[in-house]
PDB file of N, CA and C in Angstrom:
ATOM      1  N   MET A   1     -12.611  -0.111  12.583  1.00  0.00           N
ATOM      2  CA  MET A   1     -11.960  -1.135  11.781  1.00  0.00           C
ATOM      3  C   MET A   1     -10.543  -1.359  12.328  1.00  0.00           C
ATOM      4  N   LYS A   2     -10.049  -2.524  12.240  1.00  0.00           N
ATOM      5  CA  LYS A   2      -8.695  -2.895  12.731  1.00  0.00           C
ATOM      6  C   LYS A   2      -7.638  -2.356  11.789  1.00  0.00           C
ATOM      7  N   SER A   3      -6.484  -1.913  12.371  1.00  0.00           N
ATOM      8  CA  SER A   3      -5.414  -1.352  11.561  1.00  0.00           C
ATOM      9  C   SER A   3      -4.229  -2.327  11.498  1.00  0.00           C
ATOM     10  N   PHE A   4      -3.326  -2.015  10.565  1.00  0.00           N
ATOM     11  CA  PHE A   4      -2.080  -2.831  10.437  1.00  0.00           C
ATOM     12  C   PHE A   4      -0.939  -1.899  10.069  1.00  0.00           C
ATOM     13  N   LYS A   5       0.286  -2.344  10.179  1.00  0.00           N
ATOM     14  CA  LYS A   5       1.464  -1.574   9.898  1.00  0.00           C
ATOM     15  C   LYS A   5       1.738  -1.625   8.396  1.00  0.00           C
ATOM     16  N   LEU A   6       1.968  -0.427   7.830  1.00  0.00           N
ATOM     17  CA  LEU A   6       2.245  -0.334   6.382  1.00  0.00           C
ATOM     18  C   LEU A   6       3.572   0.460   6.208  1.00  0.00           C
ATOM     19  N   GLN A   7       4.410  -0.065   5.347  1.00  0.00           N
ATOM     20  CA  GLN A   7       5.633   0.645   4.948  1.00  0.00           C
ATOM     21  C   GLN A   7       5.666   0.752   3.439  1.00  0.00           C
ATOM     22  N   ILE A   8       5.915   1.985   2.945  1.00  0.00           N
ATOM     23  CA  ILE A   8       6.060   2.221   1.516  1.00  0.00           C
ATOM     24  C   ILE A   8       7.423   2.788   1.288  1.00  0.00           C
ATOM     25  N   ALA A   9       8.178   2.175   0.371  1.00  0.00           N
ATOM     26  CA  ALA A   9       9.548   2.650   0.094  1.00  0.00           C
ATOM     27  C   ALA A   9       9.751   2.776  -1.406  1.00  0.00           C
ATOM     28  N   ALA A  10      10.526   3.774  -1.774  1.00  0.00           N
ATOM     29  CA  ALA A  10      10.947   4.025  -3.173  1.00  0.00           C
ATOM     30  C   ALA A  10      12.445   4.124  -3.135  1.00  0.00           C
ATOM     31  N   PRO A  11      13.123   4.147  -4.314  1.00  0.00           N
ATOM     32  CA  PRO A  11      14.607   4.217  -4.300  1.00  0.00           C
ATOM     33  C   PRO A  11      15.189   5.402  -3.530  1.00  0.00           C
ATOM     34  N   ASP A  12      14.413   6.514  -3.441  1.00  0.00           N
ATOM     35  CA  ASP A  12      14.943   7.673  -2.771  1.00  0.00           C
ATOM     36  C   ASP A  12      14.520   7.710  -1.271  1.00  0.00           C
ATOM     37  N   GLY A  13      13.921   6.699  -0.739  1.00  0.00           N
ATOM     38  CA  GLY A  13      13.616   6.663   0.675  1.00  0.00           C
ATOM     39  C   GLY A  13      12.268   6.161   1.042  1.00  0.00           C
ATOM     40  N   LEU A  14      11.996   6.164   2.312  1.00  0.00           N
ATOM     41  CA  LEU A  14      10.744   5.733   2.902  1.00  0.00           C
ATOM     42  C   LEU A  14       9.651   6.775   2.665  1.00  0.00           C
ATOM     43  N   ARG A  15       8.543   6.397   2.100  1.00  0.00           N
ATOM     44  CA  ARG A  15       7.463   7.372   1.793  1.00  0.00           C
ATOM     45  C   ARG A  15       6.315   7.306   2.816  1.00  0.00           C
ATOM     46  N   PHE A  16       6.158   6.152   3.518  1.00  0.00           N
ATOM     47  CA  PHE A  16       5.165   6.031   4.557  1.00  0.00           C
ATOM     48  C   PHE A  16       5.591   4.935   5.477  1.00  0.00           C
ATOM     49  N   ASP A  17       5.388   5.131   6.755  1.00  0.00           N
ATOM     50  CA  ASP A  17       5.683   4.167   7.767  1.00  0.00           C
ATOM     51  C   ASP A  17       4.719   4.405   8.931  1.00  0.00           C
ATOM     52  N   GLY A  18       3.623   3.686   8.976  1.00  0.00           N
ATOM     53  CA  GLY A  18       2.645   3.910  10.005  1.00  0.00           C
ATOM     54  C   GLY A  18       1.480   2.907   9.889  1.00  0.00           C
ATOM     55  N   ASP A  19       0.461   3.187  10.633  1.00  0.00           N
ATOM     56  CA  ASP A  19      -0.708   2.326  10.679  1.00  0.00           C
ATOM     57  C   ASP A  19      -1.766   2.786   9.668  1.00  0.00           C
ATOM     58  N   CYS A  20      -2.449   1.834   9.102  1.00  0.00           N
ATOM     59  CA  CYS A  20      -3.596   2.133   8.249  1.00  0.00           C
ATOM     60  C   CYS A  20      -4.613   1.030   8.377  1.00  0.00           C
ATOM     61  N   GLU A  21      -5.805   1.269   7.844  1.00  0.00           N
ATOM     62  CA  GLU A  21      -6.888   0.317   7.887  1.00  0.00           C
ATOM     63  C   GLU A  21      -7.043  -0.450   6.568  1.00  0.00           C
ATOM     64  N   GLN A  22      -6.634   0.183   5.463  1.00  0.00           N
ATOM     65  CA  GLN A  22      -6.746  -0.432   4.157  1.00  0.00           C
ATOM     66  C   GLN A  22      -5.776   0.213   3.180  1.00  0.00           C
ATOM     67  N   ILE A  23      -5.274  -0.581   2.280  1.00  0.00           N
ATOM     68  CA  ILE A  23      -4.502  -0.057   1.160  1.00  0.00           C
ATOM     69  C   ILE A  23      -5.102  -0.677  -0.102  1.00  0.00           C
ATOM     70  N   SER A  24      -5.318   0.160  -1.124  1.00  0.00           N
ATOM     71  CA  SER A  24      -5.828  -0.296  -2.419  1.00  0.00           C
ATOM     72  C   SER A  24      -4.858   0.082  -3.504  1.00  0.00           C
ATOM     73  N   VAL A  25      -4.476  -0.922  -4.309  1.00  0.00           N
ATOM     74  CA  VAL A  25      -3.467  -0.724  -5.359  1.00  0.00           C
ATOM     75  C   VAL A  25      -3.893  -1.503  -6.606  1.00  0.00           C
ATOM     76  N   ARG A  26      -3.139  -1.321  -7.686  1.00  0.00           N
ATOM     77  CA  ARG A  26      -3.379  -2.077  -8.899  1.00  0.00           C
ATOM     78  C   ARG A  26      -2.285  -3.153  -9.037  1.00  0.00           C
ATOM     79  N   GLY A  27      -2.680  -4.365  -8.884  1.00  0.00           N
ATOM     80  CA  GLY A  27      -1.770  -5.492  -9.092  1.00  0.00           C
ATOM     81  C   GLY A  27      -1.745  -5.846 -10.583  1.00  0.00           C
ATOM     82  N   ILE A  28      -0.785  -6.705 -10.954  1.00  0.00           N
ATOM     83  CA  ILE A  28      -0.698  -7.083 -12.382  1.00  0.00           C
ATOM     84  C   ILE A  28      -1.936  -7.859 -12.843  1.00  0.00           C
ATOM     85  N   GLY A  29      -2.674  -8.414 -11.903  1.00  0.00           N
ATOM     86  CA  GLY A  29      -3.905  -9.141 -12.212  1.00  0.00           C
ATOM     87  C   GLY A  29      -5.174  -8.328 -12.035  1.00  0.00           C
ATOM     88  N   GLY A  30      -5.034  -7.059 -11.641  1.00  0.00           N
ATOM     89  CA  GLY A  30      -6.197  -6.191 -11.414  1.00  0.00           C
ATOM     90  C   GLY A  30      -6.101  -5.470 -10.092  1.00  0.00           C
ATOM     91  N   ASP A  31      -7.119  -4.675  -9.808  1.00  0.00           N
ATOM     92  CA  ASP A  31      -7.126  -3.886  -8.552  1.00  0.00           C
ATOM     93  C   ASP A  31      -7.334  -4.852  -7.342  1.00  0.00           C
ATOM     94  N   LEU A  32      -6.682  -4.476  -6.244  1.00  0.00           N
ATOM     95  CA  LEU A  32      -6.840  -5.253  -5.006  1.00  0.00           C
ATOM     96  C   LEU A  32      -6.760  -4.368  -3.804  1.00  0.00           C
ATOM     97  N   ALA A  33      -7.314  -4.870  -2.716  1.00  0.00           N
ATOM     98  CA  ALA A  33      -7.246  -4.132  -1.435  1.00  0.00           C
ATOM     99  C   ALA A  33      -6.768  -5.105  -0.338  1.00  0.00           C
ATOM    100  N   VAL A  34      -6.065  -4.523   0.648  1.00  0.00           N
ATOM    101  CA  VAL A  34      -5.593  -5.339   1.743  1.00  0.00           C
ATOM    102  C   VAL A  34      -6.132  -4.718   3.047  1.00  0.00           C
ATOM    103  N   LEU A  35      -6.699  -5.551   3.873  1.00  0.00           N
ATOM    104  CA  LEU A  35      -7.177  -5.169   5.199  1.00  0.00           C
ATOM    105  C   LEU A  35      -6.351  -5.906   6.233  1.00  0.00           C
ATOM    106  N   ALA A  36      -6.540  -5.542   7.513  1.00  0.00           N
ATOM    107  CA  ALA A  36      -5.847  -6.232   8.607  1.00  0.00           C
ATOM    108  C   ALA A  36      -6.164  -7.729   8.558  1.00  0.00           C
ATOM    109  N   ASP A  37      -5.190  -8.569   8.933  1.00  0.00           N
ATOM    110  CA  ASP A  37      -5.288 -10.013   8.991  1.00  0.00           C
ATOM    111  C   ASP A  37      -5.493 -10.666   7.630  1.00  0.00           C
ATOM    112  N   HIS A  38      -5.076  -9.984   6.576  1.00  0.00           N
ATOM    113  CA  HIS A  38      -5.113 -10.581   5.236  1.00  0.00           C
ATOM    114  C   HIS A  38      -4.120 -11.745   5.204  1.00  0.00           C
ATOM    115  N   ILE A  39      -4.360 -12.728   4.374  1.00  0.00           N
ATOM    116  CA  ILE A  39      -3.445 -13.861   4.271  1.00  0.00           C
ATOM    117  C   ILE A  39      -2.101 -13.363   3.635  1.00  0.00           C
ATOM    118  N   PRO A  40      -0.983 -13.928   3.991  1.00  0.00           N
ATOM    119  CA  PRO A  40       0.308 -13.500   3.424  1.00  0.00           C
ATOM    120  C   PRO A  40       0.354 -13.825   1.911  1.00  0.00           C
ATOM    121  N   PHE A  41       0.906 -12.892   1.156  1.00  0.00           N
ATOM    122  CA  PHE A  41       1.143 -13.100  -0.254  1.00  0.00           C
ATOM    123  C   PHE A  41       2.078 -12.015  -0.769  1.00  0.00           C
ATOM    124  N   VAL A  42       2.555 -12.252  -2.023  1.00  0.00           N
ATOM    125  CA  VAL A  42       3.413 -11.298  -2.721  1.00  0.00           C
ATOM    126  C   VAL A  42       2.899 -11.175  -4.105  1.00  0.00           C
ATOM    127  N   THR A  43       2.858  -9.931  -4.626  1.00  0.00           N
ATOM    128  CA  THR A  43       2.404  -9.732  -5.996  1.00  0.00           C
ATOM    129  C   THR A  43       3.128  -8.551  -6.603  1.00  0.00           C
ATOM    130  N   ALA A  44       3.300  -8.594  -7.881  1.00  0.00           N
ATOM    131  CA  ALA A  44       3.845  -7.448  -8.649  1.00  0.00           C
ATOM    132  C   ALA A  44       2.763  -6.409  -8.811  1.00  0.00           C
ATOM    133  N   LEU A  45       3.153  -5.175  -8.859  1.00  0.00           N
ATOM    134  CA  LEU A  45       2.190  -4.075  -9.030  1.00  0.00           C
ATOM    135  C   LEU A  45       2.344  -3.478 -10.403  1.00  0.00           C
ATOM    136  N   ALA A  46       1.225  -3.108 -10.990  1.00  0.00           N
ATOM    137  CA  ALA A  46       1.177  -2.391 -12.259  1.00  0.00           C
ATOM    138  C   ALA A  46       1.090  -0.892 -11.942  1.00  0.00           C
ATOM    139  N   PRO A  47       1.436  -0.028 -12.867  1.00  0.00           N
ATOM    140  CA  PRO A  47       1.282   1.399 -12.629  1.00  0.00           C
ATOM    141  C   PRO A  47      -0.206   1.713 -12.386  1.00  0.00           C
ATOM    142  N   GLY A  48      -0.472   2.543 -11.407  1.00  0.00           N
ATOM    143  CA  GLY A  48      -1.856   2.927 -11.090  1.00  0.00           C
ATOM    144  C   GLY A  48      -1.952   3.706  -9.797  1.00  0.00           C
ATOM    145  N   ASP A  49      -3.203   3.990  -9.443  1.00  0.00           N
ATOM    146  CA  ASP A  49      -3.467   4.722  -8.190  1.00  0.00           C
ATOM    147  C   ASP A  49      -3.303   3.861  -6.995  1.00  0.00           C
ATOM    148  N   CYS A  50      -2.927   4.507  -5.881  1.00  0.00           N
ATOM    149  CA  CYS A  50      -2.825   3.851  -4.581  1.00  0.00           C
ATOM    150  C   CYS A  50      -3.616   4.710  -3.600  1.00  0.00           C
ATOM    151  N   ARG A  51      -4.471   4.019  -2.790  1.00  0.00           N
ATOM    152  CA  ARG A  51      -5.203   4.720  -1.791  1.00  0.00           C
ATOM    153  C   ARG A  51      -4.944   4.077  -0.412  1.00  0.00           C
ATOM    154  N   ILE A  52      -4.627   4.941   0.563  1.00  0.00           N
ATOM    155  CA  ILE A  52      -4.381   4.443   1.922  1.00  0.00           C
ATOM    156  C   ILE A  52      -5.410   5.087   2.845  1.00  0.00           C
ATOM    157  N   TYR A  53      -6.152   4.217   3.532  1.00  0.00           N
ATOM    158  CA  TYR A  53      -7.216   4.643   4.402  1.00  0.00           C
ATOM    159  C   TYR A  53      -6.711   4.593   5.868  1.00  0.00           C
ATOM    160  N   THR A  54      -6.721   5.753   6.553  1.00  0.00           N
ATOM    161  CA  THR A  54      -6.251   5.819   7.935  1.00  0.00           C
ATOM    162  C   THR A  54      -7.360   6.422   8.812  1.00  0.00           C
ATOM    163  N   GLU A  55      -7.172   6.421  10.109  1.00  0.00           N
ATOM    164  CA  GLU A  55      -8.070   7.083  11.058  1.00  0.00           C
ATOM    165  C   GLU A  55      -9.535   6.700  10.867  1.00  0.00           C
ATOM    166  N   ASP A  56      -9.849   5.427  11.040  1.00  0.00           N
ATOM    167  CA  ASP A  56     -11.229   4.941  10.926  1.00  0.00           C
ATOM    168  C   ASP A  56     -11.839   5.283   9.569  1.00  0.00           C
ATOM    169  N   GLY A  57     -11.050   5.247   8.529  1.00  0.00           N
ATOM    170  CA  GLY A  57     -11.520   5.495   7.185  1.00  0.00           C
ATOM    171  C   GLY A  57     -11.846   6.956   6.893  1.00  0.00           C
ATOM    172  N   LYS A  58     -11.576   7.827   7.844  1.00  0.00           N
ATOM    173  CA  LYS A  58     -11.950   9.235   7.656  1.00  0.00           C
ATOM    174  C   LYS A  58     -10.917  10.001   6.834  1.00  0.00           C
ATOM    175  N   LYS A  59      -9.676   9.510   6.808  1.00  0.00           N
ATOM    176  CA  LYS A  59      -8.618  10.160   6.025  1.00  0.00           C
ATOM    177  C   LYS A  59      -8.157   9.204   4.967  1.00  0.00           C
ATOM    178  N   ILE A  60      -8.183   9.667   3.729  1.00  0.00           N
ATOM    179  CA  ILE A  60      -7.705   8.838   2.615  1.00  0.00           C
ATOM    180  C   ILE A  60      -6.563   9.630   1.941  1.00  0.00           C
ATOM    181  N   ARG A  61      -5.441   8.979   1.791  1.00  0.00           N
ATOM    182  CA  ARG A  61      -4.302   9.538   1.096  1.00  0.00           C
ATOM    183  C   ARG A  61      -4.207   8.898  -0.274  1.00  0.00           C
ATOM    184  N   HIS A  62      -4.044   9.710  -1.307  1.00  0.00           N
ATOM    185  CA  HIS A  62      -3.916   9.219  -2.670  1.00  0.00           C
ATOM    186  C   HIS A  62      -2.514   9.438  -3.210  1.00  0.00           C
ATOM    187  N   ALA A  63      -2.106   8.468  -4.029  1.00  0.00           N
ATOM    188  CA  ALA A  63      -0.757   8.518  -4.625  1.00  0.00           C
ATOM    189  C   ALA A  63      -0.796   7.785  -5.948  1.00  0.00           C
ATOM    190  N   HIS A  64       0.261   7.976  -6.712  1.00  0.00           N
ATOM    191  CA  HIS A  64       0.440   7.210  -7.931  1.00  0.00           C
ATOM    192  C   HIS A  64       1.670   6.356  -7.771  1.00  0.00           C
ATOM    193  N   CYS A  65       1.485   5.072  -8.053  1.00  0.00           N
ATOM    194  CA  CYS A  65       2.546   4.092  -7.938  1.00  0.00           C
ATOM    195  C   CYS A  65       2.900   3.612  -9.350  1.00  0.00           C
ATOM    196  N   ARG A  66       4.140   3.697  -9.728  1.00  0.00           N
ATOM    197  CA  ARG A  66       4.559   3.323 -11.083  1.00  0.00           C
ATOM    198  C   ARG A  66       5.085   1.887 -11.162  1.00  0.00           C
ATOM    199  N   GLY A  67       4.438   1.021 -10.386  1.00  0.00           N
ATOM    200  CA  GLY A  67       4.831  -0.376 -10.415  1.00  0.00           C
ATOM    201  C   GLY A  67       5.731  -0.719  -9.251  1.00  0.00           C
ATOM    202  N   GLY A  68       5.902  -1.994  -9.022  1.00  0.00           N
ATOM    203  CA  GLY A  68       6.747  -2.460  -7.916  1.00  0.00           C
ATOM    204  C   GLY A  68       6.262  -3.785  -7.365  1.00  0.00           C
ATOM    205  N   MET A  69       6.402  -3.994  -6.060  1.00  0.00           N
ATOM    206  CA  MET A  69       6.010  -5.234  -5.397  1.00  0.00           C
ATOM    207  C   MET A  69       5.233  -4.904  -4.136  1.00  0.00           C
ATOM    208  N   LEU A  70       4.229  -5.742  -3.848  1.00  0.00           N
ATOM    209  CA  LEU A  70       3.464  -5.654  -2.597  1.00  0.00           C
ATOM    210  C   LEU A  70       3.659  -6.944  -1.848  1.00  0.00           C
ATOM    211  N   MET A  71       4.132  -6.855  -0.615  1.00  0.00           N
ATOM    212  CA  MET A  71       4.365  -8.035   0.228  1.00  0.00           C
ATOM    213  C   MET A  71       3.541  -7.916   1.490  1.00  0.00           C
ATOM    214  N   VAL A  72       2.642  -8.865   1.660  1.00  0.00           N
ATOM    215  CA  VAL A  72       1.766  -8.964   2.853  1.00  0.00           C
ATOM    216  C   VAL A  72       2.267 -10.075   3.727  1.00  0.00           C
ATOM    217  N   SER A  73       2.608  -9.732   4.985  1.00  0.00           N
ATOM    218  CA  SER A  73       3.024 -10.752   5.911  1.00  0.00           C
ATOM    219  C   SER A  73       2.161 -10.605   7.184  1.00  0.00           C
ATOM    220  N   LYS A  74       2.388 -11.486   8.126  1.00  0.00           N
ATOM    221  CA  LYS A  74       1.596 -11.461   9.351  1.00  0.00           C
ATOM    222  C   LYS A  74       1.711 -10.161  10.101  1.00  0.00           C
ATOM    223  N   ASP A  75       2.909  -9.532  10.133  1.00  0.00           N
ATOM    224  CA  ASP A  75       3.151  -8.352  10.942  1.00  0.00           C
ATOM    225  C   ASP A  75       3.162  -7.029  10.235  1.00  0.00           C
ATOM    226  N   VAL A  76       3.406  -7.060   8.899  1.00  0.00           N
ATOM    227  CA  VAL A  76       3.535  -5.771   8.192  1.00  0.00           C
ATOM    228  C   VAL A  76       3.197  -5.958   6.705  1.00  0.00           C
ATOM    229  N   VAL A  77       2.729  -4.912   6.107  1.00  0.00           N
ATOM    230  CA  VAL A  77       2.507  -4.876   4.640  1.00  0.00           C
ATOM    231  C   VAL A  77       3.542  -3.917   4.090  1.00  0.00           C
ATOM    232  N   ARG A  78       4.294  -4.368   3.061  1.00  0.00           N
ATOM    233  CA  ARG A  78       5.322  -3.507   2.471  1.00  0.00           C
ATOM    234  C   ARG A  78       5.075  -3.317   1.018  1.00  0.00           C
ATOM    235  N   LEU A  79       5.184  -2.076   0.581  1.00  0.00           N
ATOM    236  CA  LEU A  79       5.040  -1.726  -0.859  1.00  0.00           C
ATOM    237  C   LEU A  79       6.361  -1.157  -1.284  1.00  0.00           C
ATOM    238  N   LEU A  80       7.011  -1.778  -2.243  1.00  0.00           N
ATOM    239  CA  LEU A  80       8.278  -1.311  -2.785  1.00  0.00           C
ATOM    240  C   LEU A  80       8.013  -0.847  -4.219  1.00  0.00           C
ATOM    241  N   SER A  81       8.250   0.440  -4.478  1.00  0.00           N
ATOM    242  CA  SER A  81       7.914   0.980  -5.782  1.00  0.00           C
ATOM    243  C   SER A  81       9.098   1.640  -6.438  1.00  0.00           C
ATOM    244  N   SER A  82       9.167   1.541  -7.794  1.00  0.00           N
ATOM    245  CA  SER A  82      10.247   2.252  -8.471  1.00  0.00           C
ATOM    246  C   SER A  82      10.034   3.755  -8.429  1.00  0.00           C
ATOM    247  N   ASP A  83       8.790   4.180  -8.304  1.00  0.00           N
ATOM    248  CA  ASP A  83       8.469   5.603  -8.171  1.00  0.00           C
ATOM    249  C   ASP A  83       7.088   5.725  -7.542  1.00  0.00           C
ATOM    250  N   PHE A  84       6.984   6.485  -6.470  1.00  0.00           N
ATOM    251  CA  PHE A  84       5.739   6.639  -5.694  1.00  0.00           C
ATOM    252  C   PHE A  84       5.547   8.121  -5.406  1.00  0.00           C
ATOM    253  N   GLU A  85       4.492   8.698  -5.917  1.00  0.00           N
ATOM    254  CA  GLU A  85       4.257  10.125  -5.747  1.00  0.00           C
ATOM    255  C   GLU A  85       2.935  10.398  -5.063  1.00  0.00           C
ATOM    256  N   TRP A  86       2.943  11.112  -3.963  1.00  0.00           N
ATOM    257  CA  TRP A  86       1.689  11.539  -3.262  1.00  0.00           C
ATOM    258  C   TRP A  86       0.983  12.553  -4.095  1.00  0.00           C
ATOM    259  N   ASN A  87      -0.344  12.429  -4.157  1.00  0.00           N
ATOM    260  CA  ASN A  87      -1.175  13.435  -4.845  1.00  0.00           C
ATOM    261  C   ASN A  87      -1.629  14.551  -3.935  1.00  0.00           C
ATOM    262  N   ASP A  88      -1.579  14.272  -2.615  1.00  0.00           N
ATOM    263  CA  ASP A  88      -2.070  15.268  -1.667  1.00  0.00           C
ATOM    264  C   ASP A  88      -0.956  16.053  -0.990  1.00  0.00           C
TER     265      ASP A  88
END
């Protein structure tokens, strides 16, 4: 599967900066997933689980996101959260 650049930031610093194949989060309109070459968009995030799939889908990192913004552009996907905690 094709990968894309993902950056996750919280007020206390950068939580993730690397490549992934998919990110799944809870938007204010419901759960959503982003893959490589997704159309550009911006959405607010609701509190919920976040899953990041890396290394050909073999490694999944789980976290809890307490809301924020998800911005998908041609070159990078950025998640800005008021609080982001890794579960693993």
